[in-house]
Amino acid sequence: MKKLHVFDLDRTLLIGNCSFAFFKFLAKMGFFSFRQLLSALINKMRLKFFINTPKELHEKLFKTLFRGRFVEEITNKVPLFLEEFLKNSLRISLFKNLQQALERKETVLLLSNSPSFLVSAIAKQLGIIYWSATEYAEDCKKCFDTILCMMDGETKALFLTSFAKEKGFLREEIFAYSDSIDDLPLLEQAGHKIAVAPDKRLRCLARNRGWSILET
């Protein structure tokens, strides 16, 4: 049977969140003002206490930290960031699954809510050909302007449906991996659902439905 492996990135294939890690990396380099850093911290805390949704947090952080910045000013820092971040942040057990799938010439798809300039660089280093992520639009001055497309759970599910149809995969040939209940629409498109170090709501759902759970 041919197989399609669909990986979420942040807190699934990676132990942490690459967007927040990149934000911290840029902050250490002095890219942001104290006011910007304080605003980012407040908005992150609002997510923790369910005042912000992940989508609202992403929109607010984009507006605070990236809008109006030259695209190259930010993206040129990605290679240096990944030198240290990637080797220390991969979830080893799941990364082995990824490597084995690639060695068997099985199809791998990486889907992430993080920005495409980060996800594309990570996919390239991991040997993943197929990926999709949140896209930022730029203005005529080559500065970040708006969020063009947010790769949330619903969007991931739609992308997977289209991708599977194009490549000729049946539902029972799809293996989907995620840590978050936000990706439930994505997981429900797969015949094989794997909850990876899942959040409380996804853990409960996975146990009730008999889905696989990968703890580490």
N, C-alpha and C. Protein backbone atom coordinates (compact mmCIF):
# COMPACT_ATOMS: atom_id res chain seq x y z
N MET A 1 0.83 -1.19 0.00
CA MET A 1 0.00 0.00 0.00
C MET A 1 0.87 1.25 0.00
N LYS A 2 0.59 2.18 -0.90
CA LYS A 2 1.32 3.44 -0.87
C LYS A 2 0.82 4.28 0.30
N LYS A 3 1.68 5.22 0.76
CA LYS A 3 1.34 5.99 1.94
C LYS A 3 1.64 7.47 1.75
N LEU A 4 0.80 8.30 2.36
CA LEU A 4 1.02 9.73 2.43
C LEU A 4 1.12 10.11 3.90
N HIS A 5 2.27 10.66 4.32
CA HIS A 5 2.48 11.08 5.70
C HIS A 5 2.36 12.60 5.77
N VAL A 6 1.42 13.08 6.59
CA VAL A 6 1.17 14.52 6.71
C VAL A 6 1.57 14.98 8.11
N PHE A 7 2.58 15.83 8.17
CA PHE A 7 3.12 16.29 9.45
C PHE A 7 2.76 17.75 9.71
N ASP A 8 2.21 18.01 10.88
CA ASP A 8 2.20 19.36 11.41
C ASP A 8 3.63 19.66 11.86
N LEU A 9 4.00 20.94 11.95
CA LEU A 9 5.38 21.28 12.27
C LEU A 9 5.58 21.63 13.75
N ASP A 10 5.00 22.74 14.19
CA ASP A 10 5.26 23.24 15.54
C ASP A 10 4.65 22.36 16.62
N ARG A 11 5.49 21.96 17.56
CA ARG A 11 5.13 21.09 18.69
C ARG A 11 4.70 19.69 18.23
N THR A 12 4.95 19.38 16.98
CA THR A 12 4.71 18.03 16.46
C THR A 12 6.03 17.48 15.95
N LEU A 13 6.40 17.84 14.75
CA LEU A 13 7.72 17.43 14.25
C LEU A 13 8.83 18.16 15.01
N LEU A 14 8.54 19.37 15.43
CA LEU A 14 9.45 20.13 16.30
C LEU A 14 8.91 20.08 17.72
N ILE A 15 9.80 20.11 18.70
CA ILE A 15 9.37 20.13 20.10
C ILE A 15 8.72 21.46 20.44
N GLY A 16 9.27 22.56 19.89
CA GLY A 16 8.74 23.88 20.17
C GLY A 16 8.07 24.51 18.97
N ASN A 17 8.00 25.83 18.98
CA ASN A 17 7.36 26.60 17.92
C ASN A 17 8.42 27.41 17.20
N CYS A 18 8.61 27.17 15.92
CA CYS A 18 9.69 27.83 15.19
C CYS A 18 9.46 29.33 15.05
N SER A 19 8.21 29.76 14.97
CA SER A 19 7.92 31.19 14.85
C SER A 19 8.34 31.94 16.11
N PHE A 20 7.97 31.41 17.29
CA PHE A 20 8.34 32.07 18.53
C PHE A 20 9.85 32.02 18.74
N ALA A 21 10.46 30.91 18.35
CA ALA A 21 11.91 30.80 18.47
C ALA A 21 12.61 31.82 17.58
N PHE A 22 12.09 32.01 16.37
CA PHE A 22 12.67 32.98 15.45
C PHE A 22 12.47 34.40 15.97
N PHE A 23 11.32 34.66 16.57
CA PHE A 23 11.05 35.95 17.19
C PHE A 23 12.08 36.24 18.29
N LYS A 24 12.35 35.25 19.14
CA LYS A 24 13.34 35.43 20.20
C LYS A 24 14.74 35.66 19.63
N PHE A 25 15.05 34.94 18.55
CA PHE A 25 16.34 35.09 17.88
C PHE A 25 16.50 36.53 17.37
N LEU A 26 15.47 37.05 16.73
CA LEU A 26 15.53 38.42 16.22
C LEU A 26 15.57 39.43 17.36
N ALA A 27 14.86 39.14 18.45
CA ALA A 27 14.85 40.05 19.59
C ALA A 27 16.26 40.18 20.19
N LYS A 28 16.98 39.07 20.27
CA LYS A 28 18.34 39.10 20.80
C LYS A 28 19.27 39.92 19.90
N MET A 29 18.93 40.00 18.63
CA MET A 29 19.72 40.78 17.68
C MET A 29 19.31 42.25 17.66
N GLY A 30 18.33 42.60 18.49
CA GLY A 30 17.91 43.99 18.60
C GLY A 30 16.96 44.46 17.53
N PHE A 31 16.22 43.56 16.92
CA PHE A 31 15.32 43.93 15.84
C PHE A 31 14.08 44.66 16.32
N PHE A 32 13.69 44.45 17.57
CA PHE A 32 12.42 44.99 18.04
C PHE A 32 12.61 45.95 19.20
N SER A 33 11.69 46.90 19.30
CA SER A 33 11.73 47.85 20.40
C SER A 33 11.15 47.21 21.66
N PHE A 34 11.37 47.84 22.80
CA PHE A 34 10.82 47.34 24.06
C PHE A 34 9.30 47.29 23.99
N ARG A 35 8.70 48.29 23.36
CA ARG A 35 7.25 48.35 23.24
C ARG A 35 6.73 47.18 22.42
N GLN A 36 7.43 46.85 21.34
CA GLN A 36 7.02 45.71 20.51
C GLN A 36 7.13 44.39 21.28
N LEU A 37 8.22 44.25 22.02
CA LEU A 37 8.43 43.03 22.81
C LEU A 37 7.36 42.88 23.89
N LEU A 38 7.02 43.98 24.53
CA LEU A 38 6.00 43.94 25.57
C LEU A 38 4.64 43.58 24.99
N SER A 39 4.32 44.16 23.83
CA SER A 39 3.05 43.85 23.18
C SER A 39 2.98 42.38 22.78
N ALA A 40 4.08 41.83 22.27
CA ALA A 40 4.12 40.42 21.88
C ALA A 40 3.92 39.52 23.09
N LEU A 41 4.56 39.86 24.20
CA LEU A 41 4.44 39.07 25.42
C LEU A 41 3.01 39.08 25.94
N ILE A 42 2.39 40.26 25.94
CA ILE A 42 1.01 40.38 26.42
C ILE A 42 0.07 39.54 25.57
N ASN A 43 0.24 39.61 24.26
CA ASN A 43 -0.63 38.85 23.37
C ASN A 43 -0.43 37.34 23.52
N LYS A 44 0.79 36.93 23.77
CA LYS A 44 1.04 35.50 23.99
C LYS A 44 0.36 35.04 25.28
N MET A 45 0.39 35.87 26.32
CA MET A 45 -0.27 35.52 27.57
C MET A 45 -1.79 35.46 27.38
N ARG A 46 -2.31 36.31 26.52
CA ARG A 46 -3.75 36.29 26.24
C ARG A 46 -4.17 34.97 25.58
N LEU A 47 -3.26 34.40 24.78
CA LEU A 47 -3.54 33.09 24.20
C LEU A 47 -3.57 32.02 25.28
N LYS A 48 -2.63 32.10 26.21
CA LYS A 48 -2.54 31.12 27.29
C LYS A 48 -3.82 31.06 28.11
N PHE A 49 -4.44 32.21 28.29
CA PHE A 49 -5.66 32.27 29.10
C PHE A 49 -6.92 32.31 28.23
N PHE A 50 -6.78 31.87 26.96
CA PHE A 50 -7.90 31.71 26.03
C PHE A 50 -8.63 33.01 25.73
N ILE A 51 -7.94 34.14 25.85
CA ILE A 51 -8.53 35.43 25.46
C ILE A 51 -8.34 35.63 23.96
N ASN A 52 -7.16 35.24 23.47
CA ASN A 52 -6.89 35.25 22.03
C ASN A 52 -7.00 33.85 21.47
N THR A 53 -7.46 33.72 20.24
CA THR A 53 -7.33 32.45 19.52
C THR A 53 -5.95 32.43 18.86
N PRO A 54 -5.45 31.25 18.46
CA PRO A 54 -4.16 31.20 17.75
C PRO A 54 -4.15 32.09 16.51
N LYS A 55 -5.28 32.14 15.80
CA LYS A 55 -5.35 32.98 14.60
C LYS A 55 -5.22 34.45 14.97
N GLU A 56 -5.92 34.88 16.02
CA GLU A 56 -5.84 36.27 16.46
C GLU A 56 -4.44 36.62 16.93
N LEU A 57 -3.79 35.68 17.63
CA LEU A 57 -2.42 35.92 18.08
C LEU A 57 -1.49 36.12 16.89
N HIS A 58 -1.61 35.25 15.90
CA HIS A 58 -0.76 35.35 14.72
C HIS A 58 -0.96 36.70 14.03
N GLU A 59 -2.19 37.11 13.88
CA GLU A 59 -2.48 38.38 13.22
C GLU A 59 -1.90 39.56 13.99
N LYS A 60 -2.03 39.53 15.32
CA LYS A 60 -1.52 40.63 16.13
C LYS A 60 0.00 40.68 16.14
N LEU A 61 0.64 39.51 16.21
CA LEU A 61 2.10 39.48 16.19
C LEU A 61 2.63 39.93 14.83
N PHE A 62 1.97 39.54 13.77
CA PHE A 62 2.39 39.99 12.44
C PHE A 62 2.32 41.52 12.35
N LYS A 63 1.21 42.08 12.79
CA LYS A 63 1.03 43.53 12.73
C LYS A 63 2.07 44.25 13.59
N THR A 64 2.36 43.70 14.76
CA THR A 64 3.28 44.34 15.69
C THR A 64 4.74 44.21 15.27
N LEU A 65 5.12 43.03 14.77
CA LEU A 65 6.54 42.73 14.59
C LEU A 65 7.03 42.77 13.15
N PHE A 66 6.18 42.45 12.18
CA PHE A 66 6.68 42.28 10.81
C PHE A 66 6.12 43.26 9.78
N ARG A 67 4.90 43.70 9.99
CA ARG A 67 4.32 44.59 8.99
C ARG A 67 5.17 45.87 8.82
N GLY A 68 5.50 46.17 7.57
CA GLY A 68 6.31 47.34 7.28
C GLY A 68 7.81 47.07 7.25
N ARG A 69 8.21 45.88 7.65
CA ARG A 69 9.63 45.50 7.61
C ARG A 69 9.99 45.02 6.22
N PHE A 70 11.21 45.33 5.79
CA PHE A 70 11.68 44.80 4.52
C PHE A 70 11.77 43.28 4.59
N VAL A 71 11.24 42.62 3.58
CA VAL A 71 11.20 41.15 3.56
C VAL A 71 12.61 40.58 3.68
N GLU A 72 13.54 41.07 2.90
CA GLU A 72 14.91 40.54 2.92
C GLU A 72 15.58 40.76 4.28
N GLU A 73 15.23 41.84 4.97
CA GLU A 73 15.80 42.13 6.28
C GLU A 73 15.51 40.99 7.26
N ILE A 74 14.35 40.39 7.10
CA ILE A 74 13.93 39.29 7.97
C ILE A 74 14.39 37.94 7.44
N THR A 75 14.10 37.67 6.17
CA THR A 75 14.36 36.34 5.63
C THR A 75 15.86 36.02 5.52
N ASN A 76 16.69 37.03 5.39
CA ASN A 76 18.14 36.79 5.33
C ASN A 76 18.70 36.21 6.62
N LYS A 77 17.94 36.33 7.70
CA LYS A 77 18.40 35.83 9.00
C LYS A 77 18.02 34.38 9.24
N VAL A 78 17.18 33.82 8.37
CA VAL A 78 16.68 32.45 8.57
C VAL A 78 17.79 31.40 8.58
N PRO A 79 18.73 31.40 7.62
CA PRO A 79 19.78 30.36 7.64
C PRO A 79 20.58 30.34 8.94
N LEU A 80 20.96 31.52 9.44
CA LEU A 80 21.72 31.58 10.69
C LEU A 80 20.88 31.07 11.86
N PHE A 81 19.60 31.41 11.88
CA PHE A 81 18.70 30.94 12.93
C PHE A 81 18.59 29.42 12.93
N LEU A 82 18.45 28.82 11.75
CA LEU A 82 18.24 27.37 11.68
C LEU A 82 19.48 26.56 12.02
N GLU A 83 20.65 27.16 11.90
CA GLU A 83 21.89 26.44 12.23
C GLU A 83 21.84 25.85 13.62
N GLU A 84 21.37 26.62 14.59
CA GLU A 84 21.30 26.15 15.96
C GLU A 84 19.93 25.57 16.30
N PHE A 85 18.89 26.21 15.81
CA PHE A 85 17.54 25.84 16.23
C PHE A 85 17.15 24.43 15.80
N LEU A 86 17.36 24.10 14.54
CA LEU A 86 16.81 22.86 14.01
C LEU A 86 17.41 21.62 14.65
N LYS A 87 18.72 21.62 14.84
CA LYS A 87 19.36 20.41 15.38
C LYS A 87 18.98 20.15 16.83
N ASN A 88 18.52 21.19 17.53
CA ASN A 88 18.15 21.04 18.94
C ASN A 88 16.65 20.96 19.17
N SER A 89 15.86 21.04 18.11
CA SER A 89 14.42 21.17 18.28
C SER A 89 13.59 20.06 17.65
N LEU A 90 14.21 19.16 16.91
CA LEU A 90 13.46 18.08 16.29
C LEU A 90 12.98 17.07 17.33
N ARG A 91 11.75 16.61 17.18
CA ARG A 91 11.25 15.53 18.03
C ARG A 91 11.80 14.23 17.45
N ILE A 92 12.79 13.66 18.13
CA ILE A 92 13.60 12.58 17.56
C ILE A 92 12.76 11.39 17.11
N SER A 93 11.81 10.96 17.95
CA SER A 93 11.02 9.78 17.60
C SER A 93 10.24 9.99 16.31
N LEU A 94 9.65 11.17 16.15
CA LEU A 94 8.87 11.45 14.95
C LEU A 94 9.78 11.74 13.75
N PHE A 95 10.92 12.34 14.01
CA PHE A 95 11.89 12.59 12.94
C PHE A 95 12.37 11.27 12.33
N LYS A 96 12.51 10.25 13.16
CA LYS A 96 12.89 8.92 12.64
C LYS A 96 11.79 8.37 11.73
N ASN A 97 10.54 8.58 12.10
CA ASN A 97 9.43 8.17 11.24
C ASN A 97 9.50 8.88 9.89
N LEU A 98 9.82 10.17 9.95
CA LEU A 98 9.96 10.96 8.73
C LEU A 98 11.08 10.42 7.85
N GLN A 99 12.23 10.18 8.45
CA GLN A 99 13.38 9.67 7.70
C GLN A 99 13.07 8.32 7.06
N GLN A 100 12.41 7.44 7.80
CA GLN A 100 12.07 6.12 7.28
C GLN A 100 11.09 6.23 6.11
N ALA A 101 10.13 7.16 6.23
CA ALA A 101 9.17 7.35 5.14
C ALA A 101 9.88 7.84 3.88
N LEU A 102 10.81 8.76 4.06
CA LEU A 102 11.56 9.28 2.91
C LEU A 102 12.44 8.19 2.29
N GLU A 103 13.05 7.37 3.14
CA GLU A 103 13.90 6.29 2.65
C GLU A 103 13.09 5.27 1.86
N ARG A 104 11.83 5.06 2.25
CA ARG A 104 10.96 4.11 1.54
C ARG A 104 10.30 4.74 0.31
N LYS A 105 10.66 5.99 0.03
CA LYS A 105 10.12 6.73 -1.12
C LYS A 105 8.62 6.98 -0.97
N GLU A 106 8.14 7.05 0.27
CA GLU A 106 6.75 7.39 0.52
C GLU A 106 6.58 8.91 0.47
N THR A 107 5.38 9.37 0.20
CA THR A 107 5.13 10.80 0.05
C THR A 107 4.97 11.47 1.41
N VAL A 108 5.65 12.59 1.59
CA VAL A 108 5.59 13.35 2.84
C VAL A 108 5.10 14.76 2.53
N LEU A 109 4.16 15.24 3.34
CA LEU A 109 3.61 16.58 3.20
C LEU A 109 3.72 17.30 4.54
N LEU A 110 4.31 18.47 4.53
CA LEU A 110 4.48 19.28 5.74
C LEU A 110 3.52 20.47 5.68
N LEU A 111 2.66 20.62 6.69
CA LEU A 111 1.70 21.72 6.74
C LEU A 111 1.89 22.48 8.05
N SER A 112 1.96 23.81 7.96
CA SER A 112 2.26 24.59 9.17
C SER A 112 1.60 25.95 9.14
N ASN A 113 1.21 26.41 10.32
CA ASN A 113 0.68 27.75 10.51
C ASN A 113 1.80 28.79 10.56
N SER A 114 3.04 28.36 10.69
CA SER A 114 4.17 29.28 10.69
C SER A 114 4.38 29.86 9.30
N PRO A 115 5.08 31.00 9.20
CA PRO A 115 5.24 31.65 7.89
C PRO A 115 6.05 30.82 6.91
N SER A 116 5.73 30.99 5.64
CA SER A 116 6.33 30.16 4.59
C SER A 116 7.84 30.35 4.49
N PHE A 117 8.36 31.54 4.81
CA PHE A 117 9.81 31.72 4.69
C PHE A 117 10.58 30.88 5.70
N LEU A 118 9.95 30.52 6.82
CA LEU A 118 10.56 29.59 7.78
C LEU A 118 10.31 28.15 7.38
N VAL A 119 9.07 27.83 7.04
CA VAL A 119 8.68 26.44 6.74
C VAL A 119 9.40 25.92 5.51
N SER A 120 9.54 26.76 4.49
CA SER A 120 10.22 26.32 3.27
C SER A 120 11.68 25.97 3.54
N ALA A 121 12.34 26.77 4.38
CA ALA A 121 13.75 26.52 4.71
C ALA A 121 13.89 25.24 5.53
N ILE A 122 12.97 25.02 6.46
CA ILE A 122 12.99 23.80 7.27
C ILE A 122 12.72 22.57 6.40
N ALA A 123 11.73 22.67 5.53
CA ALA A 123 11.40 21.55 4.64
C ALA A 123 12.60 21.19 3.78
N LYS A 124 13.28 22.18 3.26
CA LYS A 124 14.45 21.92 2.41
C LYS A 124 15.53 21.19 3.18
N GLN A 125 15.80 21.62 4.41
CA GLN A 125 16.85 20.97 5.21
C GLN A 125 16.48 19.54 5.58
N LEU A 126 15.18 19.26 5.71
CA LEU A 126 14.73 17.92 6.09
C LEU A 126 14.49 17.02 4.89
N GLY A 127 14.64 17.55 3.69
CA GLY A 127 14.45 16.74 2.49
C GLY A 127 12.99 16.55 2.11
N ILE A 128 12.12 17.46 2.55
CA ILE A 128 10.70 17.37 2.24
C ILE A 128 10.38 18.23 1.02
N ILE A 129 9.80 17.60 0.02
CA ILE A 129 9.49 18.31 -1.22
C ILE A 129 8.18 19.08 -1.13
N TYR A 130 7.15 18.44 -0.54
CA TYR A 130 5.81 19.01 -0.53
C TYR A 130 5.53 19.68 0.82
N TRP A 131 5.12 20.94 0.78
CA TRP A 131 4.82 21.67 2.01
C TRP A 131 3.89 22.84 1.69
N SER A 132 3.23 23.34 2.71
CA SER A 132 2.45 24.56 2.59
C SER A 132 2.38 25.22 3.96
N ALA A 133 2.28 26.55 3.96
CA ALA A 133 2.34 27.30 5.21
C ALA A 133 1.60 28.62 5.07
N THR A 134 1.56 29.38 6.14
CA THR A 134 0.96 30.71 6.11
C THR A 134 1.78 31.62 5.19
N GLU A 135 1.08 32.34 4.34
CA GLU A 135 1.74 33.21 3.36
C GLU A 135 1.54 34.68 3.72
N TYR A 136 2.64 35.43 3.71
CA TYR A 136 2.59 36.87 3.91
C TYR A 136 2.73 37.57 2.56
N ALA A 137 1.90 38.58 2.33
CA ALA A 137 2.01 39.39 1.11
C ALA A 137 2.96 40.56 1.37
N GLU A 138 3.58 41.04 0.31
CA GLU A 138 4.47 42.20 0.43
C GLU A 138 3.97 43.33 -0.45
N ASP A 139 4.33 44.56 -0.08
CA ASP A 139 3.89 45.73 -0.85
C ASP A 139 4.90 46.09 -1.94
N CYS A 140 4.68 47.20 -2.59
CA CYS A 140 5.55 47.61 -3.70
C CYS A 140 6.96 47.95 -3.26
N LYS A 141 7.14 48.19 -1.97
CA LYS A 141 8.47 48.49 -1.44
C LYS A 141 9.21 47.24 -0.95
N LYS A 142 8.62 46.07 -1.21
CA LYS A 142 9.18 44.79 -0.77
C LYS A 142 9.19 44.67 0.76
N CYS A 143 8.15 45.24 1.37
CA CYS A 143 7.96 45.11 2.81
C CYS A 143 6.77 44.21 3.09
N PHE A 144 6.79 43.53 4.24
CA PHE A 144 5.63 42.73 4.63
C PHE A 144 4.43 43.66 4.78
N ASP A 145 3.28 43.22 4.23
CA ASP A 145 2.11 44.07 4.20
C ASP A 145 0.90 43.45 4.91
N THR A 146 0.50 42.26 4.49
CA THR A 146 -0.66 41.60 5.07
C THR A 146 -0.43 40.10 5.13
N ILE A 147 -1.30 39.42 5.89
CA ILE A 147 -1.32 37.96 5.86
C ILE A 147 -2.22 37.55 4.71
N LEU A 148 -1.64 36.92 3.73
CA LEU A 148 -2.38 36.56 2.52
C LEU A 148 -3.25 35.33 2.74
N CYS A 149 -2.69 34.33 3.43
CA CYS A 149 -3.42 33.08 3.67
C CYS A 149 -2.91 32.45 4.97
N MET A 150 -3.83 32.21 5.90
CA MET A 150 -3.46 31.59 7.18
C MET A 150 -3.67 30.08 7.08
N MET A 151 -2.63 29.32 7.36
CA MET A 151 -2.71 27.86 7.27
C MET A 151 -3.18 27.30 8.62
N ASP A 152 -4.47 27.51 8.92
CA ASP A 152 -5.04 26.96 10.14
C ASP A 152 -5.56 25.55 9.89
N GLY A 153 -6.22 24.97 10.89
CA GLY A 153 -6.66 23.59 10.76
C GLY A 153 -7.60 23.34 9.59
N GLU A 154 -8.55 24.25 9.38
CA GLU A 154 -9.49 24.10 8.27
C GLU A 154 -8.78 24.20 6.92
N THR A 155 -7.85 25.14 6.82
CA THR A 155 -7.10 25.31 5.57
C THR A 155 -6.22 24.11 5.31
N LYS A 156 -5.61 23.56 6.37
CA LYS A 156 -4.80 22.35 6.21
C LYS A 156 -5.64 21.21 5.67
N ALA A 157 -6.84 21.07 6.20
CA ALA A 157 -7.72 19.99 5.76
C ALA A 157 -8.08 20.13 4.28
N LEU A 158 -8.39 21.35 3.87
CA LEU A 158 -8.73 21.61 2.47
C LEU A 158 -7.52 21.34 1.57
N PHE A 159 -6.34 21.77 2.03
CA PHE A 159 -5.13 21.55 1.24
C PHE A 159 -4.86 20.05 1.10
N LEU A 160 -4.98 19.31 2.20
CA LEU A 160 -4.75 17.87 2.17
C LEU A 160 -5.73 17.17 1.23
N THR A 161 -7.00 17.55 1.30
CA THR A 161 -8.01 16.94 0.43
C THR A 161 -7.65 17.13 -1.04
N SER A 162 -7.26 18.35 -1.39
CA SER A 162 -6.88 18.65 -2.77
C SER A 162 -5.61 17.91 -3.18
N PHE A 163 -4.63 17.90 -2.26
CA PHE A 163 -3.35 17.25 -2.54
C PHE A 163 -3.54 15.74 -2.73
N ALA A 164 -4.31 15.12 -1.85
CA ALA A 164 -4.53 13.68 -1.92
C ALA A 164 -5.26 13.30 -3.21
N LYS A 165 -6.22 14.11 -3.59
CA LYS A 165 -6.95 13.85 -4.83
C LYS A 165 -6.02 13.96 -6.04
N GLU A 166 -5.18 15.01 -6.04
CA GLU A 166 -4.25 15.22 -7.15
C GLU A 166 -3.25 14.08 -7.27
N LYS A 167 -2.77 13.57 -6.13
CA LYS A 167 -1.74 12.53 -6.13
C LYS A 167 -2.32 11.12 -6.12
N GLY A 168 -3.63 11.01 -5.99
CA GLY A 168 -4.28 9.71 -6.06
C GLY A 168 -4.21 8.89 -4.79
N PHE A 169 -4.27 9.55 -3.61
CA PHE A 169 -4.25 8.84 -2.34
C PHE A 169 -5.66 8.68 -1.79
N LEU A 170 -5.97 7.49 -1.29
CA LEU A 170 -7.23 7.23 -0.61
C LEU A 170 -7.08 7.58 0.86
N ARG A 171 -8.20 7.78 1.54
CA ARG A 171 -8.17 8.16 2.96
C ARG A 171 -7.38 7.16 3.80
N GLU A 172 -7.56 5.86 3.51
CA GLU A 172 -6.88 4.83 4.32
C GLU A 172 -5.37 4.79 4.08
N GLU A 173 -4.88 5.53 3.09
CA GLU A 173 -3.44 5.59 2.81
C GLU A 173 -2.79 6.82 3.42
N ILE A 174 -3.58 7.62 4.15
CA ILE A 174 -3.07 8.87 4.71
C ILE A 174 -2.82 8.73 6.21
N PHE A 175 -1.61 9.13 6.64
CA PHE A 175 -1.21 9.14 8.05
C PHE A 175 -0.99 10.60 8.45
N ALA A 176 -1.76 11.11 9.42
CA ALA A 176 -1.65 12.51 9.81
C ALA A 176 -1.16 12.61 11.26
N TYR A 177 -0.22 13.53 11.49
CA TYR A 177 0.41 13.70 12.80
C TYR A 177 0.22 15.15 13.27
N SER A 178 -0.33 15.32 14.48
CA SER A 178 -0.46 16.67 15.03
C SER A 178 -0.53 16.62 16.56
N ASP A 179 -0.22 17.76 17.18
CA ASP A 179 -0.26 17.89 18.64
C ASP A 179 -1.51 18.59 19.13
N SER A 180 -2.26 19.23 18.23
CA SER A 180 -3.26 20.20 18.67
C SER A 180 -4.68 19.87 18.21
N ILE A 181 -5.64 20.19 19.09
CA ILE A 181 -7.04 20.04 18.73
C ILE A 181 -7.42 20.98 17.59
N ASP A 182 -6.64 22.04 17.40
CA ASP A 182 -6.89 22.97 16.29
C ASP A 182 -6.76 22.28 14.94
N ASP A 183 -6.00 21.18 14.91
CA ASP A 183 -5.80 20.44 13.66
C ASP A 183 -6.79 19.29 13.49
N LEU A 184 -7.86 19.29 14.28
CA LEU A 184 -8.85 18.22 14.15
C LEU A 184 -9.40 18.10 12.73
N PRO A 185 -9.71 19.20 12.03
CA PRO A 185 -10.18 19.05 10.65
C PRO A 185 -9.19 18.32 9.76
N LEU A 186 -7.89 18.58 10.00
CA LEU A 186 -6.84 17.88 9.24
C LEU A 186 -6.83 16.40 9.59
N LEU A 187 -6.81 16.08 10.86
CA LEU A 187 -6.74 14.69 11.30
C LEU A 187 -7.92 13.88 10.78
N GLU A 188 -9.08 14.49 10.71
CA GLU A 188 -10.28 13.76 10.29
C GLU A 188 -10.26 13.40 8.81
N GLN A 189 -9.34 13.99 8.05
CA GLN A 189 -9.20 13.64 6.63
C GLN A 189 -8.31 12.42 6.43
N ALA A 190 -7.68 11.93 7.49
CA ALA A 190 -6.72 10.83 7.39
C ALA A 190 -7.32 9.53 7.89
N GLY A 191 -6.92 8.44 7.27
CA GLY A 191 -7.33 7.13 7.75
C GLY A 191 -6.61 6.73 9.02
N HIS A 192 -5.41 7.27 9.20
CA HIS A 192 -4.59 6.96 10.37
C HIS A 192 -4.23 8.27 11.06
N LYS A 193 -4.70 8.43 12.30
CA LYS A 193 -4.53 9.68 13.03
C LYS A 193 -3.58 9.45 14.20
N ILE A 194 -2.53 10.25 14.29
CA ILE A 194 -1.54 10.10 15.35
C ILE A 194 -1.44 11.40 16.11
N ALA A 195 -1.83 11.38 17.38
CA ALA A 195 -1.72 12.55 18.26
C ALA A 195 -0.33 12.54 18.87
N VAL A 196 0.43 13.60 18.66
CA VAL A 196 1.84 13.66 19.08
C VAL A 196 1.97 14.60 20.27
N ALA A 197 2.36 14.05 21.44
CA ALA A 197 2.43 14.87 22.66
C ALA A 197 1.25 15.83 22.70
N PRO A 198 0.03 15.30 22.62
CA PRO A 198 -1.15 16.13 22.36
C PRO A 198 -1.54 17.05 23.51
N ASP A 199 -2.22 18.15 23.15
CA ASP A 199 -2.78 19.01 24.18
C ASP A 199 -3.93 18.26 24.86
N LYS A 200 -4.44 18.83 25.93
CA LYS A 200 -5.41 18.13 26.78
C LYS A 200 -6.65 17.70 26.01
N ARG A 201 -7.18 18.58 25.18
CA ARG A 201 -8.42 18.27 24.45
C ARG A 201 -8.19 17.20 23.38
N LEU A 202 -7.06 17.28 22.68
CA LEU A 202 -6.79 16.27 21.66
C LEU A 202 -6.49 14.92 22.32
N ARG A 203 -5.81 14.93 23.44
CA ARG A 203 -5.51 13.68 24.15
C ARG A 203 -6.80 12.96 24.54
N CYS A 204 -7.72 13.73 25.09
CA CYS A 204 -9.00 13.15 25.51
C CYS A 204 -9.75 12.57 24.31
N LEU A 205 -9.78 13.32 23.22
CA LEU A 205 -10.47 12.86 22.02
C LEU A 205 -9.81 11.62 21.44
N ALA A 206 -8.48 11.63 21.39
CA ALA A 206 -7.74 10.49 20.84
C ALA A 206 -8.00 9.22 21.64
N ARG A 207 -8.03 9.35 22.96
CA ARG A 207 -8.30 8.19 23.81
C ARG A 207 -9.71 7.67 23.58
N ASN A 208 -10.67 8.58 23.49
CA ASN A 208 -12.06 8.17 23.31
C ASN A 208 -12.30 7.50 21.96
N ARG A 209 -11.54 7.90 20.95
CA ARG A 209 -11.75 7.39 19.59
C ARG A 209 -10.75 6.30 19.22
N GLY A 210 -9.83 5.99 20.14
CA GLY A 210 -8.88 4.91 19.89
C GLY A 210 -7.79 5.27 18.90
N TRP A 211 -7.46 6.55 18.81
CA TRP A 211 -6.40 6.98 17.91
C TRP A 211 -5.04 6.71 18.55
N SER A 212 -4.01 6.61 17.73
CA SER A 212 -2.66 6.41 18.24
C SER A 212 -2.17 7.68 18.94
N ILE A 213 -1.41 7.51 20.01
CA ILE A 213 -0.84 8.63 20.74
C ILE A 213 0.66 8.41 20.86
N LEU A 214 1.44 9.36 20.39
CA LEU A 214 2.89 9.32 20.50
C LEU A 214 3.28 10.34 21.56
N GLU A 215 3.85 9.87 22.66
CA GLU A 215 4.08 10.76 23.79
C GLU A 215 5.36 11.58 23.69
N THR A 216 6.44 11.00 23.10
CA THR A 216 7.71 11.71 23.14
C THR A 216 8.25 11.92 21.72
